[in-house]
C-alpha atoms as a PDB file:
ATOM      1  CA  MET A   1     -48.071   4.522   8.544  1.00  0.00           C
ATOM      2  CA  ILE A   2     -45.307   1.740   8.096  1.00  0.00           C
ATOM      3  CA  GLU A   3     -43.666   3.124   4.800  1.00  0.00           C
ATOM      4  CA  GLU A   4     -43.233   5.702   7.328  1.00  0.00           C
ATOM      5  CA  ARG A   5     -41.473   3.428  10.089  1.00  0.00           C
ATOM      6  CA  PHE A   6     -39.268   2.123   7.086  1.00  0.00           C
ATOM      7  CA  ALA A   7     -38.337   5.741   5.653  1.00  0.00           C
ATOM      8  CA  ARG A   8     -36.927   6.486  10.034  1.00  0.00           C
ATOM      9  CA  LEU A   9     -34.949   3.361   8.984  1.00  0.00           C
ATOM     10  CA  ARG A  10     -33.567   4.684   5.584  1.00  0.00           C
ATOM     11  CA  ALA A  11     -32.719   7.843   7.534  1.00  0.00           C
ATOM     12  CA  VAL A  12     -30.489   5.833  10.686  1.00  0.00           C
ATOM     13  CA  ILE A  13     -28.929   4.141   7.574  1.00  0.00           C
ATOM     14  CA  GLU A  14     -28.498   7.453   6.312  1.00  0.00           C
ATOM     15  CA  ALA A  15     -27.427   8.584   8.583  1.00  0.00           C
ATOM     16  CA  TRP A  16     -24.868   5.569  10.197  1.00  0.00           C
ATOM     17  CA  GLU A  17     -23.508   5.424   5.850  1.00  0.00           C
ATOM     18  CA  THR A  18     -22.609   9.349   6.744  1.00  0.00           C
ATOM     19  CA  TRP A  19     -21.067   9.145  10.155  1.00  0.00           C
ATOM     20  CA  GLU A  20     -18.404   5.797   9.287  1.00  0.00           C
ATOM     21  CA  ALA A  21     -17.471   8.002   6.244  1.00  0.00           C
ATOM     22  CA  GLU A  22     -16.511  10.040   8.071  1.00  0.00           C
ATOM     23  CA  ARG A  23     -14.429   8.158  10.448  1.00  0.00           C
ATOM     24  CA  GLY A  24     -11.226   9.030   8.119  1.00  0.00           C
ATOM     25  CA  LYS A  25      -9.937  12.075   8.921  1.00  0.00           C
ATOM     26  CA  GLU A  26     -10.272  10.404  12.172  1.00  0.00           C
ATOM     27  CA  PHE A  27      -8.474   6.981  12.386  1.00  0.00           C
ATOM     28  CA  GLN A  28      -6.374   9.916  10.163  1.00  0.00           C
ATOM     29  CA  ASP A  29      -5.432  11.532  12.847  1.00  0.00           C
ATOM     30  CA  LEU A  30      -5.212   8.918  15.850  1.00  0.00           C
ATOM     31  CA  PHE A  31      -2.638   7.440  13.811  1.00  0.00           C
ATOM     32  CA  GLU A  32      -0.495  10.384  13.311  1.00  0.00           C
ATOM     33  CA  ARG A  33      -0.639  10.002  17.226  1.00  0.00           C
ATOM     34  CA  GLY A  34      -0.035   6.728  17.633  1.00  0.00           C
ATOM     35  CA  ASP A  35      -3.225   5.447  19.565  1.00  0.00           C
ATOM     36  CA  GLU A  36      -3.174   2.128  19.769  1.00  0.00           C
ATOM     37  CA  SER A  37      -6.102   1.321  22.171  1.00  0.00           C
ATOM     38  CA  ALA A  38      -8.418   4.520  20.334  1.00  0.00           C
ATOM     39  CA  ILE A  39      -7.835   2.840  16.709  1.00  0.00           C
ATOM     40  CA  ARG A  40      -8.604  -0.332  17.765  1.00  0.00           C
ATOM     41  CA  ARG A  41     -11.875   0.702  19.483  1.00  0.00           C
ATOM     42  CA  LEU A  42     -12.555   2.802  16.704  1.00  0.00           C
ATOM     43  CA  MET A  43     -12.278  -0.579  14.612  1.00  0.00           C
ATOM     44  CA  GLU A  44     -14.579  -2.114  16.993  1.00  0.00           C
ATOM     45  CA  GLU A  45     -16.963   0.660  16.949  1.00  0.00           C
ATOM     46  CA  MET A  46     -17.183   0.958  13.104  1.00  0.00           C
ATOM     47  CA  GLN A  47     -17.880  -3.110  12.234  1.00  0.00           C
ATOM     48  CA  THR A  48     -20.428  -2.963  14.696  1.00  0.00           C
ATOM     49  CA  LEU A  49     -21.847  -0.897  13.665  1.00  0.00           C
ATOM     50  CA  ARG A  50     -21.209  -1.658   9.530  1.00  0.00           C
ATOM     51  CA  ARG A  51     -22.887  -5.536  11.444  1.00  0.00           C
ATOM     52  CA  ARG A  52     -25.987  -3.587  12.552  1.00  0.00           C
ATOM     53  CA  ARG A  53     -25.951  -1.744   9.310  1.00  0.00           C
ATOM     54  CA  ARG A  54     -25.576  -3.912   7.140  1.00  0.00           C
ATOM     55  CA  ALA A  55     -28.875  -6.293   9.468  1.00  0.00           C
ATOM     56  CA  LEU A  56     -30.824  -3.025   9.434  1.00  0.00           C
ATOM     57  CA  GLU A  57     -30.788  -2.608   5.350  1.00  0.00           C
ATOM     58  CA  ALA A  58     -31.342  -6.158   5.088  1.00  0.00           C
ATOM     59  CA  PHE A  59     -34.611  -6.251   6.947  1.00  0.00           C
ATOM     60  CA  VAL A  60     -35.665  -3.028   5.335  1.00  0.00           C
ATOM     61  CA  GLN A  61     -35.351  -4.526   1.680  1.00  0.00           C
ATOM     62  CA  ARG A  62     -37.446  -7.700   3.046  1.00  0.00           C
ATOM     63  CA  TRP A  63     -39.277  -6.340   4.070  1.00  0.00           C
ATOM     64  CA  ALA A  64     -39.685  -2.829   3.024  1.00  0.00           C
ATOM     65  CA  GLU A  65     -39.014  -3.072  -0.775  1.00  0.00           C
ATOM     66  CA  GLY A  66     -38.988  -7.018  -1.388  1.00  0.00           C
ATOM     67  CA  GLY A  67     -42.475  -8.725   1.243  1.00  0.00           C
ATOM     68  CA  SER A  68     -43.880  -6.188   1.634  1.00  0.00           C
ATOM     69  CA  ARG A  69     -47.099  -8.218   1.245  1.00  0.00           C
ATOM     70  CA  SER A  70     -45.663 -10.883   3.752  1.00  0.00           C
ATOM     71  CA  VAL A  71     -45.519  -8.245   6.537  1.00  0.00           C
ATOM     72  CA  GLY A  72     -49.657  -8.729   6.553  1.00  0.00           C
ATOM     73  CA  GLY A  73     -49.113 -12.458   6.032  1.00  0.00           C
ATOM     74  CA  SER A  74     -50.834 -12.301   3.352  1.00  0.00           C
ATOM     75  CA  GLY A  75     -47.900 -13.138   0.724  1.00  0.00           C
END
C-alpha cells in the first residue's frame, strides 16, 4: 500500500519534470513576442515547481528509498 503511494509520488515528479522540459518552446515564443510579464510569470511558476519537485524528490528518497525502515519507527 505504501509503495503504491510512493509510486504515485514518483509519477508526480516525472510529470513535473516533463512539464518543465516542455516550457522551452513556450519561453521561445514569449521572447519572440517580447512579453516580459508573461516570461516573468512563467519563470516564477517554474521556480516554485522546481522547489516543490526537489522537496518531493528528497522526501521520496529519504522515506521510500533510503529510510523505509524509519517509517515504522524501527530504524
